[in-house]
Amino acid sequence: MAINLHIPARDAIFPVAGIRIGTAEASIRKAGRRDLTVFLLAPNTTVAGVFTRNRFRAAPVQVCEAHLAAQAGIRALVINTGNANAGTGEPGLQASNQTCEALASQLGVHATQILPFSTGVILEPLPVDRLIAGLPAAVADAQSAHWFEAAHSIMTTDTQPKIHSQQIDLGGTTVTITGISKGAGMIRPNMATMLGFLATDAGLPAPLLKTLASQIANQSFNRITVDGDTSTNDSFIIMATGASGVQIQSPQDPRFQPLVQALTQAARDLAQKIVRDAEGATKFMTIQVEQAATTEEALKVAYSIAHSPLVKTAFYASDPNLGRILAAIGYAGIDDLDVSKLTLWLGDIQVATQGGRDPNYLEEDGQRIMAQAEILVRVALGRGQTSDTVYTCDFSHEYVSINADYRS
């Protein structure tokens, strides 16, 4: 069950001029569902990406990195679900390259102008013949308004599509930002989400967009975790078509910061929707760490809390066994942490102070907060002025069931 996950109505999903999207049934893993998606990009669209740091990164990730480095001008993306094409060795690389070559041939472009993406089961050969056979139908289906269909097509264990769309005014011109993402488990992206695609009809030069992709990922997809596992296929792509007529060449342009803020907001929403639809999740938890000495320190504590199975199961049970949070803070890796300076809040309730239980804390207050669907855990370390936030969820029986039956 998704936790307060907003799916915009179709008439609130704005097409991005310069991008057409098509989907098709390729029977990659299961028959009778759309599992193949293509994004067709207008000439001069700039594209940047951030990818998994998992050393076992999938074949399509390796091909994407090579094609972006070639700077040939990306003209299309192709995404399959049902098979990750990871842990597939040289045959997997050949399959990703064959996919690019087949789509490039249909579009009359070079293979290095295609970015491939895969998501699904690891360690199984990609049925590339079926994928290639489905490409003509996906290309024929391409329309500018097909974001909703694409959000469904890229899903695996997701129960809901993840879509964000908005329009902003930049210097008197309306600019569109629309994106989709997918992911529900195996989420502790060390860069971005499992798959995320964000587009705008503003124009940005490739070097500036590349820098932005990393900055935006660090403020959004790099601040979520479901289970602490970094996928082999994580990919986050930003596309800027320039079709609105707005061209921003440098950070000094007064329109730059408003655009960055809107893109970051969109990416953060797409990232949080992954946590809201996490496998078996019943609680959405915000872990906010304040008064840290550094960002690294704040994130150590936040992720230590967010990854603790004991903390996550306590939240699922609405059990205010909050000593588990203190324990997670204690083993986060800050060797000189002075616990007498630490303060812990659950929602608006102060739970611990000066190294022990707050004298005014009542367990029934903690239980009231724990029963809510959205919960804030706030920690002040008393070490500095740096703050950071991580978003996570609880662990339920359903998480185990979903992952036990994933390949069935």
Protein backbone atom coordinates (compact mmCIF):
# COMPACT_ATOMS: atom_id res chain seq x y z
CA MET A 1 0.00 0.00 0.00
CA ALA A 2 1.37 3.39 -0.99
CA ILE A 3 1.61 6.03 1.76
CA ASN A 4 0.00 9.33 0.75
CA LEU A 5 1.36 9.01 -2.78
CA HIS A 6 -0.12 11.64 -5.07
CA ILE A 7 -0.68 10.64 -8.69
CA PRO A 8 -1.51 13.71 -10.80
CA ALA A 9 -4.56 13.63 -13.02
CA ARG A 10 -3.85 13.22 -16.72
CA ASP A 11 -4.72 16.84 -17.45
CA ALA A 12 -2.16 17.92 -14.83
CA ILE A 13 0.69 16.02 -16.55
CA PHE A 14 2.25 18.51 -18.93
CA PRO A 15 4.04 17.22 -22.06
CA VAL A 16 7.58 18.49 -22.53
CA ALA A 17 8.00 19.98 -25.98
CA GLY A 18 10.72 18.13 -27.86
CA ILE A 19 10.02 14.71 -26.28
CA ARG A 20 7.75 11.93 -27.52
CA ILE A 21 7.24 8.69 -25.58
CA GLY A 22 6.01 5.30 -26.75
CA THR A 23 5.39 1.97 -25.00
CA ALA A 24 4.85 -1.58 -26.20
CA GLU A 25 4.44 -5.18 -25.07
CA ALA A 26 7.69 -7.06 -25.69
CA SER A 27 7.10 -10.03 -23.33
CA ILE A 28 10.49 -9.47 -21.70
CA ARG A 29 9.36 -11.31 -18.59
CA LYS A 30 5.58 -11.55 -18.58
CA ALA A 31 3.13 -11.54 -21.45
CA GLY A 32 0.25 -9.08 -21.60
CA ARG A 33 1.91 -6.02 -20.09
CA ARG A 34 3.71 -3.03 -21.54
CA ASP A 35 7.34 -3.51 -20.60
CA LEU A 36 9.20 -1.55 -23.28
CA THR A 37 9.45 2.25 -23.40
CA VAL A 38 11.17 4.66 -25.76
CA PHE A 39 11.83 8.38 -25.34
CA LEU A 40 12.41 10.14 -28.66
CA LEU A 41 14.29 13.42 -28.25
CA ALA A 42 14.38 16.40 -30.58
CA PRO A 43 17.75 17.41 -32.04
CA ASN A 44 19.89 19.62 -29.78
CA THR A 45 18.35 18.19 -26.60
CA THR A 46 21.04 18.02 -23.93
CA VAL A 47 21.15 14.97 -21.67
CA ALA A 48 23.06 14.21 -18.47
CA GLY A 49 23.02 11.23 -16.14
CA VAL A 50 24.14 9.92 -12.77
CA PHE A 51 24.55 6.19 -12.29
CA THR A 52 25.00 3.52 -9.63
CA ARG A 53 28.30 3.17 -7.82
CA ASN A 54 27.71 -0.56 -7.42
CA ARG A 55 30.83 -2.27 -8.82
CA PHE A 56 28.54 -4.88 -10.40
CA ARG A 57 26.81 -2.21 -12.42
CA ALA A 58 24.58 -3.54 -15.17
CA ALA A 59 25.48 -3.70 -18.86
CA PRO A 60 23.09 -0.86 -19.85
CA VAL A 61 24.65 1.40 -17.21
CA GLN A 62 28.08 0.79 -18.74
CA VAL A 63 26.76 1.50 -22.23
CA CYS A 64 24.99 4.67 -21.07
CA GLU A 65 28.18 5.99 -19.52
CA ALA A 66 30.12 5.30 -22.72
CA HIS A 67 27.51 6.91 -24.97
CA LEU A 68 27.23 10.03 -22.83
CA ALA A 69 31.01 10.34 -22.83
CA ALA A 70 31.01 10.15 -26.65
CA GLN A 71 29.09 13.49 -26.75
CA ALA A 72 27.34 12.55 -29.99
CA GLY A 73 24.04 14.15 -29.00
CA ILE A 74 21.53 11.75 -27.41
CA ARG A 75 18.39 11.23 -29.53
CA ALA A 76 16.55 8.43 -27.72
CA LEU A 77 16.24 6.36 -24.56
CA VAL A 78 15.05 2.75 -24.50
CA ILE A 79 13.90 1.12 -21.26
CA ASN A 80 12.90 -2.48 -20.60
CA THR A 81 11.43 -3.95 -17.43
CA GLY A 82 11.41 -7.57 -16.29
CA ASN A 83 15.13 -8.15 -16.77
CA ALA A 84 18.01 -6.10 -15.35
CA ASN A 85 20.67 -7.32 -17.79
CA ALA A 86 23.05 -7.27 -14.82
CA GLY A 87 25.53 -9.97 -13.91
CA THR A 88 25.39 -11.02 -17.57
CA GLY A 89 29.02 -10.43 -18.60
CA GLU A 90 30.04 -9.82 -22.20
CA PRO A 91 26.78 -11.23 -23.66
CA GLY A 92 24.90 -8.61 -21.64
CA LEU A 93 27.01 -5.81 -23.08
CA GLN A 94 26.41 -7.18 -26.57
CA ALA A 95 22.66 -7.26 -25.91
CA SER A 96 22.62 -3.61 -24.78
CA ASN A 97 24.65 -2.58 -27.81
CA GLN A 98 22.38 -4.56 -30.14
CA THR A 99 19.39 -2.78 -28.62
CA CYS A 100 20.97 0.60 -29.32
CA GLU A 101 21.89 -0.40 -32.85
CA ALA A 102 18.37 -1.63 -33.61
CA LEU A 103 16.68 1.54 -32.35
CA ALA A 104 19.27 3.76 -34.03
CA SER A 105 18.60 2.02 -37.33
CA GLN A 106 14.88 2.74 -37.05
CA LEU A 107 15.47 6.40 -36.19
CA GLY A 108 18.26 7.04 -38.67
CA VAL A 109 20.79 8.03 -35.99
CA HIS A 110 24.02 6.54 -34.63
CA ALA A 111 23.99 3.85 -31.94
CA THR A 112 26.01 6.11 -29.63
CA GLN A 113 23.02 8.50 -29.65
CA ILE A 114 20.86 5.91 -27.82
CA LEU A 115 20.82 5.33 -24.04
CA PRO A 116 19.59 1.89 -22.87
CA PHE A 117 18.10 1.11 -19.44
CA SER A 118 16.98 -2.18 -17.88
CA THR A 119 15.33 -3.09 -14.61
CA GLY A 120 14.18 -6.41 -13.17
CA VAL A 121 15.79 -9.73 -12.30
CA ILE A 122 19.59 -9.87 -12.03
CA LEU A 123 21.78 -12.71 -13.36
CA GLU A 124 19.42 -13.71 -16.20
CA PRO A 125 20.15 -13.22 -19.93
CA LEU A 126 18.24 -10.38 -21.57
CA PRO A 127 15.84 -11.73 -24.23
CA VAL A 128 17.19 -9.19 -26.70
CA ASP A 129 15.38 -10.66 -29.71
CA ARG A 130 12.01 -10.02 -28.06
CA LEU A 131 13.12 -6.53 -27.02
CA ILE A 132 14.22 -5.62 -30.55
CA ALA A 133 11.04 -7.10 -32.02
CA GLY A 134 9.00 -4.76 -29.82
CA LEU A 135 10.82 -1.56 -30.82
CA PRO A 136 8.78 -0.74 -33.97
CA ALA A 137 5.54 -0.79 -31.98
CA ALA A 138 7.02 1.40 -29.26
CA VAL A 139 8.29 3.94 -31.81
CA ALA A 140 4.95 3.95 -33.62
CA ASP A 141 3.19 4.61 -30.31
CA ALA A 142 5.31 7.68 -29.49
CA GLN A 143 3.35 10.77 -28.49
CA SER A 144 4.21 13.81 -26.39
CA ALA A 145 1.40 13.06 -23.92
CA HIS A 146 2.47 9.51 -23.01
CA TRP A 147 4.17 10.23 -19.67
CA PHE A 148 1.40 8.45 -17.75
CA GLU A 149 1.78 5.33 -19.88
CA ALA A 150 5.55 5.39 -19.49
CA ALA A 151 5.29 5.68 -15.70
CA HIS A 152 3.30 2.42 -15.72
CA SER A 153 5.51 0.69 -18.27
CA ILE A 154 8.73 1.08 -16.24
CA MET A 155 7.22 -0.37 -13.04
CA THR A 156 8.39 -3.68 -11.55
CA THR A 157 7.31 -4.31 -7.93
CA ASP A 158 5.92 -0.77 -7.72
CA THR A 159 2.22 -0.65 -6.88
CA GLN A 160 1.74 2.92 -8.15
CA PRO A 161 3.27 5.01 -10.95
CA LYS A 162 5.53 7.86 -9.88
CA ILE A 163 4.94 11.08 -11.83
CA HIS A 164 5.71 14.73 -11.22
CA SER A 165 4.70 17.59 -13.48
CA GLN A 166 4.69 21.36 -13.08
CA GLN A 167 5.00 24.59 -15.01
CA ILE A 168 6.89 27.66 -13.84
CA ASP A 169 7.37 31.19 -15.13
CA LEU A 170 10.93 32.07 -16.12
CA GLY A 171 11.27 35.67 -17.21
CA GLY A 172 7.77 35.77 -18.67
CA THR A 173 7.99 32.39 -20.44
CA THR A 174 6.21 29.25 -19.23
CA VAL A 175 8.63 26.37 -18.73
CA THR A 176 7.54 22.77 -18.20
CA ILE A 177 9.15 20.18 -15.93
CA THR A 178 7.87 16.59 -16.01
CA GLY A 179 9.40 13.36 -14.77
CA ILE A 180 8.80 9.75 -13.83
CA SER A 181 10.61 7.27 -11.62
CA LYS A 182 10.36 3.66 -10.53
CA GLY A 183 11.58 1.67 -7.58
CA ALA A 184 10.17 -0.02 -4.51
CA GLY A 185 12.91 -2.20 -3.10
CA MET A 186 16.69 -2.59 -3.33
CA ILE A 187 16.81 1.14 -2.68
CA ARG A 188 19.74 2.85 -1.04
CA PRO A 189 20.86 4.68 -4.14
CA ASN A 190 24.46 5.74 -3.94
CA MET A 191 23.63 8.32 -6.58
CA ALA A 192 20.01 8.30 -7.67
CA THR A 193 16.98 6.08 -7.82
CA MET A 194 16.66 2.76 -9.59
CA LEU A 195 15.31 4.58 -12.64
CA GLY A 196 14.42 8.25 -12.85
CA PHE A 197 13.80 10.43 -15.90
CA LEU A 198 13.31 14.18 -15.56
CA ALA A 199 12.80 16.59 -18.46
CA THR A 200 12.35 20.29 -19.07
CA ASP A 201 11.76 22.37 -22.19
CA ALA A 202 14.25 24.96 -20.93
CA GLY A 203 17.65 24.84 -22.60
CA LEU A 204 20.89 24.17 -20.71
CA PRO A 205 24.37 23.45 -22.13
CA ALA A 206 25.61 19.90 -21.59
CA PRO A 207 28.44 20.75 -19.12
CA LEU A 208 26.10 22.76 -16.91
CA LEU A 209 23.41 20.06 -17.06
CA LYS A 210 25.97 17.41 -16.08
CA THR A 211 26.90 19.38 -12.97
CA LEU A 212 23.23 19.92 -12.14
CA ALA A 213 22.41 16.23 -12.44
CA SER A 214 24.81 15.39 -9.61
CA GLN A 215 23.72 18.33 -7.46
CA ILE A 216 20.04 17.52 -7.85
CA ALA A 217 20.56 13.81 -7.19
CA ASN A 218 22.38 14.65 -3.97
CA GLN A 219 19.39 16.68 -2.76
CA SER A 220 16.76 14.13 -3.72
CA PHE A 221 17.44 10.56 -4.84
CA ASN A 222 20.60 10.44 -2.77
CA ARG A 223 18.56 11.04 0.38
CA ILE A 224 16.26 8.03 0.28
CA THR A 225 16.60 4.46 1.46
CA VAL A 226 14.24 1.52 1.71
CA ASP A 227 16.45 -1.41 2.66
CA GLY A 228 20.04 -0.22 2.37
CA ASP A 229 20.73 -2.14 -0.86
CA THR A 230 22.27 -0.22 -3.77
CA SER A 231 20.99 -1.61 -7.06
CA THR A 232 23.15 -2.62 -10.01
CA ASN A 233 21.00 -0.52 -12.36
CA ASP A 234 20.40 2.85 -10.67
CA SER A 235 20.15 5.59 -13.28
CA PHE A 236 18.94 9.19 -13.08
CA ILE A 237 18.64 11.15 -16.33
CA ILE A 238 17.89 14.83 -16.92
CA MET A 239 16.89 16.07 -20.38
CA ALA A 240 16.70 19.72 -21.47
CA THR A 241 15.12 20.26 -24.90
CA GLY A 242 15.21 24.07 -25.12
CA ALA A 243 11.91 23.96 -27.02
CA SER A 244 10.34 26.67 -24.82
CA GLY A 245 12.81 29.19 -26.19
CA VAL A 246 14.38 29.71 -22.78
CA GLN A 247 18.14 29.22 -23.07
CA ILE A 248 20.24 29.46 -19.90
CA GLN A 249 23.96 29.47 -20.61
CA SER A 250 25.44 30.08 -17.16
CA PRO A 251 24.62 30.10 -13.44
CA GLN A 252 24.74 33.91 -13.56
CA ASP A 253 21.51 34.00 -15.57
CA PRO A 254 18.78 35.22 -13.15
CA ARG A 255 16.52 32.41 -14.40
CA PHE A 256 19.01 29.72 -13.44
CA GLN A 257 18.34 29.40 -9.70
CA PRO A 258 14.52 29.31 -10.03
CA LEU A 259 14.90 26.53 -12.61
CA VAL A 260 17.31 24.59 -10.38
CA GLN A 261 14.93 24.93 -7.43
CA ALA A 262 12.02 23.62 -9.50
CA LEU A 263 14.05 20.70 -10.90
CA THR A 264 15.25 19.80 -7.40
CA GLN A 265 11.69 19.95 -6.07
CA ALA A 266 10.56 17.65 -8.87
CA ALA A 267 13.38 15.17 -8.25
CA ARG A 268 12.75 15.19 -4.49
CA ASP A 269 9.07 14.45 -5.05
CA LEU A 270 9.89 11.56 -7.40
CA ALA A 271 12.40 10.20 -4.88
CA GLN A 272 10.00 10.43 -1.96
CA LYS A 273 7.33 8.66 -3.99
CA ILE A 274 9.65 5.66 -4.23
CA VAL A 275 9.78 5.48 -0.43
CA ARG A 276 6.02 6.03 -0.17
CA ASP A 277 5.52 3.01 -2.44
CA ALA A 278 8.29 0.90 -0.94
CA GLU A 279 7.75 -2.83 -0.80
CA GLY A 280 5.34 -3.55 2.04
CA ALA A 281 5.73 -0.10 3.61
CA THR A 282 3.09 1.26 5.97
CA LYS A 283 4.98 4.28 7.39
CA PHE A 284 6.88 7.13 5.70
CA MET A 285 9.67 8.35 7.97
CA THR A 286 11.71 11.55 7.79
CA ILE A 287 15.03 11.29 9.64
CA GLN A 288 16.34 14.79 10.31
CA VAL A 289 19.76 15.22 11.91
CA GLU A 290 20.77 18.66 13.21
CA GLN A 291 23.80 20.22 14.90
CA ALA A 292 26.25 17.87 13.19
CA ALA A 293 29.85 18.87 12.56
CA THR A 294 29.70 17.91 8.85
CA THR A 295 27.25 16.67 6.22
CA GLU A 296 28.99 13.28 6.27
CA GLU A 297 28.41 13.05 10.01
CA ALA A 298 24.75 13.99 9.72
CA LEU A 299 24.21 11.37 7.02
CA LYS A 300 26.02 8.69 9.02
CA VAL A 301 23.54 9.12 11.84
CA ALA A 302 20.49 9.48 9.58
CA TYR A 303 21.29 6.35 7.57
CA SER A 304 22.19 4.38 10.69
CA ILE A 305 18.69 5.02 12.02
CA ALA A 306 17.03 4.51 8.64
CA HIS A 307 18.78 1.18 7.99
CA SER A 308 18.27 -0.41 11.40
CA PRO A 309 15.93 -3.42 11.04
CA LEU A 310 15.05 -3.07 14.74
CA VAL A 311 14.05 0.56 14.30
CA LYS A 312 12.10 -0.17 11.11
CA THR A 313 10.18 -3.09 12.60
CA ALA A 314 9.37 -1.08 15.73
CA PHE A 315 7.83 1.61 13.56
CA TYR A 316 5.81 -1.01 11.68
CA ALA A 317 4.42 -2.27 15.00
CA SER A 318 3.84 1.31 16.28
CA ASP A 319 5.97 0.26 19.25
CA PRO A 320 7.75 3.22 20.91
CA ASN A 321 10.82 1.13 21.71
CA LEU A 322 12.88 4.25 21.11
CA GLY A 323 16.04 2.98 22.73
CA ARG A 324 16.62 1.32 19.37
CA ILE A 325 17.06 4.78 17.83
CA LEU A 326 19.62 5.75 20.47
CA ALA A 327 21.51 2.52 19.82
CA ALA A 328 21.57 3.23 16.07
CA ILE A 329 22.93 6.71 16.72
CA GLY A 330 25.57 5.24 19.00
CA TYR A 331 26.95 2.83 16.38
CA ALA A 332 26.79 5.29 13.49
CA GLY A 333 30.56 5.69 13.55
CA ILE A 334 31.10 8.98 15.39
CA ASP A 335 33.74 7.83 17.83
CA ASP A 336 33.87 11.03 19.88
CA LEU A 337 30.11 11.56 20.12
CA ASP A 338 29.18 13.11 23.48
CA VAL A 339 25.77 11.58 24.16
CA SER A 340 25.15 14.01 27.02
CA LYS A 341 24.69 16.75 24.39
CA LEU A 342 22.22 14.77 22.29
CA THR A 343 18.48 15.45 22.03
CA LEU A 344 15.92 13.20 20.33
CA TRP A 345 12.39 14.08 19.24
CA LEU A 346 9.64 11.88 17.86
CA GLY A 347 7.34 14.24 16.01
CA ASP A 348 6.85 17.14 18.41
CA ILE A 349 7.60 15.01 21.49
CA GLN A 350 11.03 15.31 23.13
CA VAL A 351 12.04 11.77 24.01
CA ALA A 352 15.64 11.95 25.19
CA THR A 353 17.97 14.67 26.44
CA GLN A 354 21.37 14.83 28.17
CA GLY A 355 22.03 11.18 27.46
CA GLY A 356 18.82 9.80 28.94
CA ARG A 357 15.05 9.73 28.81
CA ASP A 358 13.38 13.13 28.98
CA PRO A 359 11.65 13.37 32.40
CA ASN A 360 8.45 14.65 30.76
CA TYR A 361 8.25 11.93 28.11
CA LEU A 362 5.24 9.62 28.32
CA GLU A 363 5.13 6.37 26.38
CA GLU A 364 1.52 6.97 25.32
CA ASP A 365 2.71 10.14 23.56
CA GLY A 366 5.31 8.13 21.69
CA GLN A 367 2.74 5.51 20.75
CA ARG A 368 0.42 8.21 19.41
CA ILE A 369 3.14 9.48 17.08
CA MET A 370 4.21 5.97 16.06
CA ALA A 371 0.67 5.13 14.96
CA GLN A 372 0.72 7.88 12.33
CA ALA A 373 1.41 7.15 8.65
CA GLU A 374 4.04 9.90 8.41
CA ILE A 375 6.58 10.32 11.20
CA LEU A 376 9.41 12.76 11.86
CA VAL A 377 12.46 11.58 13.82
CA ARG A 378 14.65 14.55 14.74
CA VAL A 379 18.11 14.29 16.32
CA ALA A 380 20.28 17.17 17.54
CA LEU A 381 23.88 16.06 18.04
CA GLY A 382 25.17 19.22 19.73
CA ARG A 383 28.37 19.20 17.65
CA GLY A 384 27.97 21.94 15.01
CA GLN A 385 25.62 23.75 12.67
CA THR A 386 25.13 21.23 9.81
CA SER A 387 21.80 19.54 9.11
CA ASP A 388 20.67 16.90 6.63
CA THR A 389 17.63 14.73 6.03
CA VAL A 390 17.00 11.17 4.85
CA TYR A 391 13.64 9.64 3.91
CA THR A 392 12.83 6.00 4.64
CA CYS A 393 10.05 3.59 5.59
CA ASP A 394 9.25 0.75 7.97
CA PHE A 395 9.72 -3.00 7.43
CA SER A 396 6.59 -5.15 7.36
CA HIS A 397 5.79 -8.82 6.84
CA GLU A 398 4.85 -7.89 3.28
CA TYR A 399 8.41 -6.76 2.48
CA VAL A 400 9.66 -10.28 3.14
CA SER A 401 6.80 -11.84 1.16
CA ILE A 402 7.36 -9.63 -1.88
CA ASN A 403 11.08 -10.33 -2.03
CA ALA A 404 10.69 -14.03 -1.30
CA ASP A 405 8.30 -14.34 -4.26
CA TYR A 406 9.99 -11.81 -6.57
CA ARG A 407 11.07 -14.31 -9.25
CA SER A 408 7.87 -16.37 -9.11
